[in-house]
Amino acid sequence: MPTYRLDLSYDGSGFRGYARQPDVRTVQGELEAALARILEPVSTAVAGRTDAGVHARHQVVSFHTETPVDCRRLPFSLTRLLGPEVVVYRCRRVPDGFSARFDAARRTYRYRILDRPHPDPLRRFTVWHVAHPLDAASMNETAGYFVGEHDFASFCRKAEGRSTVRTVTSAGWRRLPDGLLCLEIEGLAFCHQMVRSIAAFSVEVGRGRLAPEEAVRVLEARDRNAARGAAPPHGLVLWRVDYDVAFGNEHR
């Protein structure tokens, strides 16, 4: 059956996450309802299931359909139904059997923090306001301890029967030109609340409450109670999803 790939962005503020749930508004629910209006009912696969309030600069969805698809028109038609919260900016036919979830080679997330006494009302839905100056250098040192293959049980909400071992290929904090602190972290896959938990732990280091090397002890504990909870969801953005060349590597 013909397989299609959609590239999209969304503001997650008004959704209870990406994945379809009964009786609540989700990105998948809205997207599949729009696809049913334009094409036919389809079931979609997604590169990364974002939580309630989490945003996506670059998300990837795949689906199968026998209905003819005009990939030039479909992004505009979907965006008319879903915008301005959800914008579909690319459609393409891909090799049969492609899965947005299982064929992803890398996923990159960014978490952004405003560390000053007063919040910014214009960014209240997209950054975490921390009313204390943070030590970016110590936070960046902390991020280095998460690179490599580790059991992230201390930093994840464990799902029954699923491993919490993950491989992080790069991670680092930096100060952006607009003054925000930004964590960029890349890996094949992440478990539930992993990036937000790393962000929360890093803030404790940035405030001087923990030393960067404490990350090793917490990782080795493999105990959710050993970490410092999870940072708020609205500061997190699925920034980029990469695939092998056969599936198209382009991203915004």
C-alpha atoms as a PDB file:
ATOM      1  CA  MET A   1       0.000   0.000   0.000  1.00  0.00           C
ATOM      2  CA  PRO A   2       1.388   3.484  -0.827  1.00  0.00           C
ATOM      3  CA  THR A   3       3.132   5.158   2.111  1.00  0.00           C
ATOM      4  CA  TYR A   4       3.327   8.902   2.738  1.00  0.00           C
ATOM      5  CA  ARG A   5       5.362  11.083   5.049  1.00  0.00           C
ATOM      6  CA  LEU A   6       4.241  14.384   6.547  1.00  0.00           C
ATOM      7  CA  ASP A   7       6.582  16.935   8.165  1.00  0.00           C
ATOM      8  CA  LEU A   8       4.863  19.297  10.587  1.00  0.00           C
ATOM      9  CA  SER A   9       5.276  21.716  13.474  1.00  0.00           C
ATOM     10  CA  TYR A  10       2.930  22.488  16.336  1.00  0.00           C
ATOM     11  CA  ASP A  11       2.360  24.556  19.427  1.00  0.00           C
ATOM     12  CA  GLY A  12       1.510  21.961  22.059  1.00  0.00           C
ATOM     13  CA  SER A  13      -0.065  24.393  24.526  1.00  0.00           C
ATOM     14  CA  GLY A  14      -3.660  23.507  23.654  1.00  0.00           C
ATOM     15  CA  PHE A  15      -3.213  19.740  23.377  1.00  0.00           C
ATOM     16  CA  ARG A  16      -3.037  16.867  25.854  1.00  0.00           C
ATOM     17  CA  GLY A  17       0.011  15.570  24.051  1.00  0.00           C
ATOM     18  CA  TYR A  18       0.484  14.060  20.628  1.00  0.00           C
ATOM     19  CA  ALA A  19      -0.999  10.572  21.055  1.00  0.00           C
ATOM     20  CA  ARG A  20      -4.720  10.022  20.524  1.00  0.00           C
ATOM     21  CA  GLN A  21      -6.728   9.699  23.763  1.00  0.00           C
ATOM     22  CA  PRO A  22     -10.474   9.375  24.316  1.00  0.00           C
ATOM     23  CA  ASP A  23     -12.395  12.562  25.099  1.00  0.00           C
ATOM     24  CA  VAL A  24      -9.381  14.919  25.079  1.00  0.00           C
ATOM     25  CA  ARG A  25      -7.824  17.079  22.374  1.00  0.00           C
ATOM     26  CA  THR A  26      -4.561  15.688  20.972  1.00  0.00           C
ATOM     27  CA  VAL A  27      -2.420  16.435  17.928  1.00  0.00           C
ATOM     28  CA  GLN A  28      -2.871  12.934  16.525  1.00  0.00           C
ATOM     29  CA  GLY A  29      -6.622  13.067  17.022  1.00  0.00           C
ATOM     30  CA  GLU A  30      -6.923  16.397  15.206  1.00  0.00           C
ATOM     31  CA  LEU A  31      -4.532  15.377  12.421  1.00  0.00           C
ATOM     32  CA  GLU A  32      -6.253  12.072  11.741  1.00  0.00           C
ATOM     33  CA  ALA A  33      -9.667  13.755  11.753  1.00  0.00           C
ATOM     34  CA  ALA A  34      -8.388  16.221   9.139  1.00  0.00           C
ATOM     35  CA  LEU A  35      -6.888  13.427   7.029  1.00  0.00           C
ATOM     36  CA  ALA A  36     -10.209  11.570   7.158  1.00  0.00           C
ATOM     37  CA  ARG A  37     -11.997  14.663   5.809  1.00  0.00           C
ATOM     38  CA  ILE A  38      -9.546  15.082   2.930  1.00  0.00           C
ATOM     39  CA  LEU A  39      -8.641  11.458   2.108  1.00  0.00           C
ATOM     40  CA  GLU A  40     -10.092   8.618   4.169  1.00  0.00           C
ATOM     41  CA  PRO A  41      -9.680   7.363   7.759  1.00  0.00           C
ATOM     42  CA  VAL A  42      -6.017   6.447   8.255  1.00  0.00           C
ATOM     43  CA  SER A  43      -3.833   5.390  11.170  1.00  0.00           C
ATOM     44  CA  THR A  44      -0.656   7.405  11.602  1.00  0.00           C
ATOM     45  CA  ALA A  45       2.766   6.559  13.051  1.00  0.00           C
ATOM     46  CA  VAL A  46       4.808   9.358  14.620  1.00  0.00           C
ATOM     47  CA  ALA A  47       8.512   9.940  15.211  1.00  0.00           C
ATOM     48  CA  GLY A  48       8.089  11.089  18.816  1.00  0.00           C
ATOM     49  CA  ARG A  49       5.068  11.088  21.129  1.00  0.00           C
ATOM     50  CA  THR A  50       5.252  14.447  22.875  1.00  0.00           C
ATOM     51  CA  ASP A  51       3.573  15.028  26.251  1.00  0.00           C
ATOM     52  CA  ALA A  52       0.873  17.577  27.048  1.00  0.00           C
ATOM     53  CA  GLY A  53       2.239  21.089  26.576  1.00  0.00           C
ATOM     54  CA  VAL A  54       5.368  19.997  24.664  1.00  0.00           C
ATOM     55  CA  HIS A  55       5.984  21.602  21.271  1.00  0.00           C
ATOM     56  CA  ALA A  56       7.453  20.354  18.002  1.00  0.00           C
ATOM     57  CA  ARG A  57       9.477  22.411  15.550  1.00  0.00           C
ATOM     58  CA  HIS A  58       9.940  19.312  13.389  1.00  0.00           C
ATOM     59  CA  GLN A  59       7.724  16.266  13.798  1.00  0.00           C
ATOM     60  CA  VAL A  60       7.326  13.433  11.281  1.00  0.00           C
ATOM     61  CA  VAL A  61       4.226  11.323  10.657  1.00  0.00           C
ATOM     62  CA  SER A  62       3.672   8.442   8.249  1.00  0.00           C
ATOM     63  CA  PHE A  63       0.536   6.713   7.000  1.00  0.00           C
ATOM     64  CA  HIS A  64      -0.686   4.303   4.333  1.00  0.00           C
ATOM     65  CA  THR A  65      -3.593   4.884   1.964  1.00  0.00           C
ATOM     66  CA  GLU A  66      -4.932   3.667  -1.367  1.00  0.00           C
ATOM     67  CA  THR A  67      -6.620   7.026  -1.927  1.00  0.00           C
ATOM     68  CA  PRO A  68      -4.688   9.206  -4.416  1.00  0.00           C
ATOM     69  CA  VAL A  69      -2.680  11.881  -2.585  1.00  0.00           C
ATOM     70  CA  ASP A  70      -1.679  15.203  -4.132  1.00  0.00           C
ATOM     71  CA  CYS A  71       1.435  15.992  -2.095  1.00  0.00           C
ATOM     72  CA  ARG A  72       1.564  19.536  -3.431  1.00  0.00           C
ATOM     73  CA  ARG A  73      -1.884  20.399  -2.113  1.00  0.00           C
ATOM     74  CA  LEU A  74      -2.202  18.233   1.000  1.00  0.00           C
ATOM     75  CA  PRO A  75       0.008  20.382   3.316  1.00  0.00           C
ATOM     76  CA  PHE A  76      -2.047  23.497   2.491  1.00  0.00           C
ATOM     77  CA  SER A  77      -5.345  21.642   2.936  1.00  0.00           C
ATOM     78  CA  LEU A  78      -4.302  20.207   6.295  1.00  0.00           C
ATOM     79  CA  THR A  79      -2.946  23.518   7.554  1.00  0.00           C
ATOM     80  CA  ARG A  80      -6.221  25.253   6.659  1.00  0.00           C
ATOM     81  CA  LEU A  81      -8.000  22.778   8.930  1.00  0.00           C
ATOM     82  CA  LEU A  82      -5.409  22.617  11.708  1.00  0.00           C
ATOM     83  CA  GLY A  83      -3.647  25.987  11.748  1.00  0.00           C
ATOM     84  CA  PRO A  84      -2.408  28.082  13.330  1.00  0.00           C
ATOM     85  CA  GLU A  85      -1.567  25.573  16.083  1.00  0.00           C
ATOM     86  CA  VAL A  86      -0.482  22.828  13.676  1.00  0.00           C
ATOM     87  CA  VAL A  87       1.281  23.511  10.380  1.00  0.00           C
ATOM     88  CA  VAL A  88       2.001  20.744   7.873  1.00  0.00           C
ATOM     89  CA  TYR A  89       4.772  22.005   5.595  1.00  0.00           C
ATOM     90  CA  ARG A  90       5.754  18.958   3.537  1.00  0.00           C
ATOM     91  CA  CYS A  91       4.245  15.776   2.104  1.00  0.00           C
ATOM     92  CA  ARG A  92       6.048  13.136   0.105  1.00  0.00           C
ATOM     93  CA  ARG A  93       5.591   9.553  -0.957  1.00  0.00           C
ATOM     94  CA  VAL A  94       8.222   7.312   0.625  1.00  0.00           C
ATOM     95  CA  PRO A  95       9.233   3.668   0.131  1.00  0.00           C
ATOM     96  CA  ASP A  96       6.515   1.234   1.137  1.00  0.00           C
ATOM     97  CA  GLY A  97       6.938   0.061   4.696  1.00  0.00           C
ATOM     98  CA  PHE A  98       8.505   3.317   5.932  1.00  0.00           C
ATOM     99  CA  SER A  99       7.646   4.104   9.548  1.00  0.00           C
ATOM    100  CA  ALA A 100       8.142   7.581  10.983  1.00  0.00           C
ATOM    101  CA  ARG A 101       8.780   5.965  14.352  1.00  0.00           C
ATOM    102  CA  PHE A 102      10.931   2.926  13.666  1.00  0.00           C
ATOM    103  CA  ASP A 103      13.021   4.320  10.794  1.00  0.00           C
ATOM    104  CA  ALA A 104      14.131   7.488  12.592  1.00  0.00           C
ATOM    105  CA  ALA A 105      17.935   7.608  12.885  1.00  0.00           C
ATOM    106  CA  ARG A 106      18.167  10.479  15.405  1.00  0.00           C
ATOM    107  CA  ARG A 107      15.882  12.707  17.445  1.00  0.00           C
ATOM    108  CA  THR A 108      16.984  16.087  18.776  1.00  0.00           C
ATOM    109  CA  TYR A 109      15.254  17.996  21.574  1.00  0.00           C
ATOM    110  CA  ARG A 110      15.824  21.458  22.974  1.00  0.00           C
ATOM    111  CA  TYR A 111      14.835  22.703  26.399  1.00  0.00           C
ATOM    112  CA  ARG A 112      14.889  26.461  27.013  1.00  0.00           C
ATOM    113  CA  ILE A 113      15.076  28.395  30.276  1.00  0.00           C
ATOM    114  CA  LEU A 114      14.797  32.092  31.129  1.00  0.00           C
ATOM    115  CA  ASP A 115      16.885  32.618  34.280  1.00  0.00           C
ATOM    116  CA  ARG A 116      16.184  36.113  35.523  1.00  0.00           C
ATOM    117  CA  PRO A 117      14.065  37.588  38.335  1.00  0.00           C
ATOM    118  CA  HIS A 118      11.098  38.552  36.159  1.00  0.00           C
ATOM    119  CA  PRO A 119       9.307  36.304  33.627  1.00  0.00           C
ATOM    120  CA  ASP A 120       8.640  37.286  30.017  1.00  0.00           C
ATOM    121  CA  PRO A 121       4.876  37.229  29.346  1.00  0.00           C
ATOM    122  CA  LEU A 122       5.484  36.849  25.614  1.00  0.00           C
ATOM    123  CA  ARG A 123       7.344  33.585  26.170  1.00  0.00           C
ATOM    124  CA  ARG A 124       5.308  32.138  29.015  1.00  0.00           C
ATOM    125  CA  PHE A 125       4.167  29.137  26.936  1.00  0.00           C
ATOM    126  CA  THR A 126       7.557  28.302  25.417  1.00  0.00           C
ATOM    127  CA  VAL A 127      10.249  28.701  28.115  1.00  0.00           C
ATOM    128  CA  TRP A 128      10.635  27.723  31.762  1.00  0.00           C
ATOM    129  CA  HIS A 129      11.142  30.778  33.943  1.00  0.00           C
ATOM    130  CA  VAL A 130      13.628  30.222  36.770  1.00  0.00           C
ATOM    131  CA  ALA A 131      13.916  33.321  38.948  1.00  0.00           C
ATOM    132  CA  HIS A 132      17.583  32.745  39.786  1.00  0.00           C
ATOM    133  CA  PRO A 133      20.750  33.165  37.689  1.00  0.00           C
ATOM    134  CA  LEU A 134      22.101  29.780  36.619  1.00  0.00           C
ATOM    135  CA  ASP A 135      25.695  28.679  36.074  1.00  0.00           C
ATOM    136  CA  ALA A 136      25.690  27.643  32.413  1.00  0.00           C
ATOM    137  CA  ALA A 137      29.209  26.197  32.552  1.00  0.00           C
ATOM    138  CA  SER A 138      28.328  23.806  35.392  1.00  0.00           C
ATOM    139  CA  MET A 139      25.137  22.786  33.622  1.00  0.00           C
ATOM    140  CA  ASN A 140      27.069  22.087  30.437  1.00  0.00           C
ATOM    141  CA  GLU A 141      29.563  19.971  32.390  1.00  0.00           C
ATOM    142  CA  THR A 142      26.622  18.029  33.845  1.00  0.00           C
ATOM    143  CA  ALA A 143      25.204  17.325  30.386  1.00  0.00           C
ATOM    144  CA  GLY A 144      28.420  15.557  29.425  1.00  0.00           C
ATOM    145  CA  TYR A 145      27.765  12.822  31.986  1.00  0.00           C
ATOM    146  CA  PHE A 146      24.613  11.805  30.123  1.00  0.00           C
ATOM    147  CA  VAL A 147      26.379  11.170  26.799  1.00  0.00           C
ATOM    148  CA  GLY A 148      26.762   7.500  25.929  1.00  0.00           C
ATOM    149  CA  GLU A 149      24.724   4.399  26.714  1.00  0.00           C
ATOM    150  CA  HIS A 150      23.215   4.435  30.215  1.00  0.00           C
ATOM    151  CA  ASP A 151      20.275   3.072  32.133  1.00  0.00           C
ATOM    152  CA  PHE A 152      18.201   6.229  32.599  1.00  0.00           C
ATOM    153  CA  ALA A 153      15.763   4.662  35.097  1.00  0.00           C
ATOM    154  CA  SER A 154      16.406   7.552  37.517  1.00  0.00           C
ATOM    155  CA  PHE A 155      15.391  10.050  34.841  1.00  0.00           C
ATOM    156  CA  CYS A 156      12.378   8.301  33.296  1.00  0.00           C
ATOM    157  CA  ARG A 157       8.832   7.398  34.115  1.00  0.00           C
ATOM    158  CA  LYS A 158       9.212   3.675  33.634  1.00  0.00           C
ATOM    159  CA  ALA A 159       6.755   1.908  31.361  1.00  0.00           C
ATOM    160  CA  GLU A 160       5.973  -1.694  32.282  1.00  0.00           C
ATOM    161  CA  GLY A 161       8.024  -4.142  30.257  1.00  0.00           C
ATOM    162  CA  ARG A 162      10.139  -1.474  28.553  1.00  0.00           C
ATOM    163  CA  SER A 163      13.859  -0.908  28.960  1.00  0.00           C
ATOM    164  CA  THR A 164      15.156   2.420  30.258  1.00  0.00           C
ATOM    165  CA  VAL A 165      18.566   1.951  28.611  1.00  0.00           C
ATOM    166  CA  ARG A 166      19.156   4.700  26.060  1.00  0.00           C
ATOM    167  CA  THR A 167      22.091   6.088  24.083  1.00  0.00           C
ATOM    168  CA  VAL A 168      22.645   9.853  24.045  1.00  0.00           C
ATOM    169  CA  THR A 169      24.956  10.893  21.222  1.00  0.00           C
ATOM    170  CA  SER A 170      25.389  14.532  22.257  1.00  0.00           C
ATOM    171  CA  ALA A 171      24.172  16.874  24.980  1.00  0.00           C
ATOM    172  CA  GLY A 172      25.087  20.397  26.038  1.00  0.00           C
ATOM    173  CA  TRP A 173      23.815  23.641  27.519  1.00  0.00           C
ATOM    174  CA  ARG A 174      24.595  27.016  25.965  1.00  0.00           C
ATOM    175  CA  ARG A 175      23.540  30.614  26.332  1.00  0.00           C
ATOM    176  CA  LEU A 176      21.584  31.818  23.290  1.00  0.00           C
ATOM    177  CA  PRO A 177      21.976  35.351  21.869  1.00  0.00           C
ATOM    178  CA  ASP A 178      18.577  36.311  23.327  1.00  0.00           C
ATOM    179  CA  GLY A 179      19.749  35.372  26.830  1.00  0.00           C
ATOM    180  CA  LEU A 180      17.943  32.042  27.149  1.00  0.00           C
ATOM    181  CA  LEU A 181      19.713  28.936  28.404  1.00  0.00           C
ATOM    182  CA  CYS A 182      19.231  26.031  26.014  1.00  0.00           C
ATOM    183  CA  LEU A 183      19.840  22.310  26.394  1.00  0.00           C
ATOM    184  CA  GLU A 184      20.269  20.494  23.099  1.00  0.00           C
ATOM    185  CA  ILE A 185      20.277  16.717  23.385  1.00  0.00           C
ATOM    186  CA  GLU A 186      20.381  14.120  20.617  1.00  0.00           C
ATOM    187  CA  GLY A 187      19.875  10.355  20.561  1.00  0.00           C
ATOM    188  CA  LEU A 188      18.127   7.531  18.801  1.00  0.00           C
ATOM    189  CA  ALA A 189      15.246   7.541  21.277  1.00  0.00           C
ATOM    190  CA  PHE A 190      14.265   8.871  24.697  1.00  0.00           C
ATOM    191  CA  CYS A 191      12.040   7.430  27.387  1.00  0.00           C
ATOM    192  CA  HIS A 192       9.108   9.235  29.012  1.00  0.00           C
ATOM    193  CA  GLN A 193      10.121  12.506  30.765  1.00  0.00           C
ATOM    194  CA  MET A 194      13.825  11.806  30.236  1.00  0.00           C
ATOM    195  CA  VAL A 195      14.787  15.165  28.715  1.00  0.00           C
ATOM    196  CA  ARG A 196      12.653  17.131  31.175  1.00  0.00           C
ATOM    197  CA  SER A 197      14.203  15.241  34.086  1.00  0.00           C
ATOM    198  CA  ILE A 198      17.713  15.946  32.829  1.00  0.00           C
ATOM    199  CA  ALA A 199      16.755  19.624  32.529  1.00  0.00           C
ATOM    200  CA  ALA A 200      15.425  19.710  36.105  1.00  0.00           C
ATOM    201  CA  PHE A 201      18.575  18.042  37.446  1.00  0.00           C
ATOM    202  CA  SER A 202      20.744  20.478  35.494  1.00  0.00           C
ATOM    203  CA  VAL A 203      18.927  23.438  37.050  1.00  0.00           C
ATOM    204  CA  GLU A 204      19.755  22.109  40.526  1.00  0.00           C
ATOM    205  CA  VAL A 205      23.401  22.073  39.456  1.00  0.00           C
ATOM    206  CA  GLY A 206      23.071  25.538  37.935  1.00  0.00           C
ATOM    207  CA  ARG A 207      21.762  26.867  41.241  1.00  0.00           C
ATOM    208  CA  GLY A 208      24.715  25.377  43.119  1.00  0.00           C
ATOM    209  CA  ARG A 209      22.663  22.790  45.000  1.00  0.00           C
ATOM    210  CA  LEU A 210      24.393  19.829  43.353  1.00  0.00           C
ATOM    211  CA  ALA A 211      27.805  19.202  41.818  1.00  0.00           C
ATOM    212  CA  PRO A 212      27.924  18.168  38.154  1.00  0.00           C
ATOM    213  CA  GLU A 213      29.449  14.783  38.998  1.00  0.00           C
ATOM    214  CA  GLU A 214      26.385  13.925  41.097  1.00  0.00           C
ATOM    215  CA  ALA A 215      24.857  12.890  37.759  1.00  0.00           C
ATOM    216  CA  VAL A 216      26.956   9.707  37.891  1.00  0.00           C
ATOM    217  CA  ARG A 217      25.579   8.739  41.310  1.00  0.00           C
ATOM    218  CA  VAL A 218      21.998   9.358  40.224  1.00  0.00           C
ATOM    219  CA  LEU A 219      22.414   7.370  37.009  1.00  0.00           C
ATOM    220  CA  GLU A 220      23.904   4.456  38.931  1.00  0.00           C
ATOM    221  CA  ALA A 221      21.051   4.502  41.472  1.00  0.00           C
ATOM    222  CA  ARG A 222      18.512   3.540  38.768  1.00  0.00           C
ATOM    223  CA  ASP A 223      15.862   4.960  41.083  1.00  0.00           C
ATOM    224  CA  ARG A 224      13.330   7.616  40.021  1.00  0.00           C
ATOM    225  CA  ASN A 225      13.407   9.057  43.544  1.00  0.00           C
ATOM    226  CA  ALA A 226      17.135   9.776  43.216  1.00  0.00           C
ATOM    227  CA  ALA A 227      16.607  12.520  40.590  1.00  0.00           C
ATOM    228  CA  ARG A 228      14.896  15.903  41.015  1.00  0.00           C
ATOM    229  CA  GLY A 229      11.595  15.399  39.195  1.00  0.00           C
ATOM    230  CA  ALA A 230      10.820  16.807  35.765  1.00  0.00           C
ATOM    231  CA  ALA A 231      10.985  20.334  34.379  1.00  0.00           C
ATOM    232  CA  PRO A 232       7.708  21.860  33.109  1.00  0.00           C
ATOM    233  CA  PRO A 233       6.646  20.545  29.684  1.00  0.00           C
ATOM    234  CA  HIS A 234       6.239  23.907  27.941  1.00  0.00           C
ATOM    235  CA  GLY A 235       9.994  24.544  27.785  1.00  0.00           C
ATOM    236  CA  LEU A 236      10.569  21.426  25.685  1.00  0.00           C
ATOM    237  CA  VAL A 237      10.611  21.300  21.874  1.00  0.00           C
ATOM    238  CA  LEU A 238      11.107  18.323  19.573  1.00  0.00           C
ATOM    239  CA  TRP A 239      13.604  20.173  17.442  1.00  0.00           C
ATOM    240  CA  ARG A 240      14.561  17.771  14.669  1.00  0.00           C
ATOM    241  CA  VAL A 241      14.102  14.213  13.430  1.00  0.00           C
ATOM    242  CA  ASP A 242      16.679  12.734  11.053  1.00  0.00           C
ATOM    243  CA  TYR A 243      16.407   9.722   8.761  1.00  0.00           C
ATOM    244  CA  ASP A 244      18.700   7.840   6.448  1.00  0.00           C
ATOM    245  CA  VAL A 245      19.129   9.342   2.991  1.00  0.00           C
ATOM    246  CA  ALA A 246      16.641   6.864   1.480  1.00  0.00           C
ATOM    247  CA  PHE A 247      13.851   8.477   3.480  1.00  0.00           C
ATOM    248  CA  GLY A 248      14.942  12.098   3.116  1.00  0.00           C
ATOM    249  CA  ASN A 249      17.102  13.905   5.640  1.00  0.00           C
ATOM    250  CA  GLU A 250      15.715  17.383   5.142  1.00  0.00           C
ATOM    251  CA  HIS A 251      14.477  19.304   8.148  1.00  0.00           C
ATOM    252  CA  ARG A 252      13.608  22.888   8.943  1.00  0.00           C
END
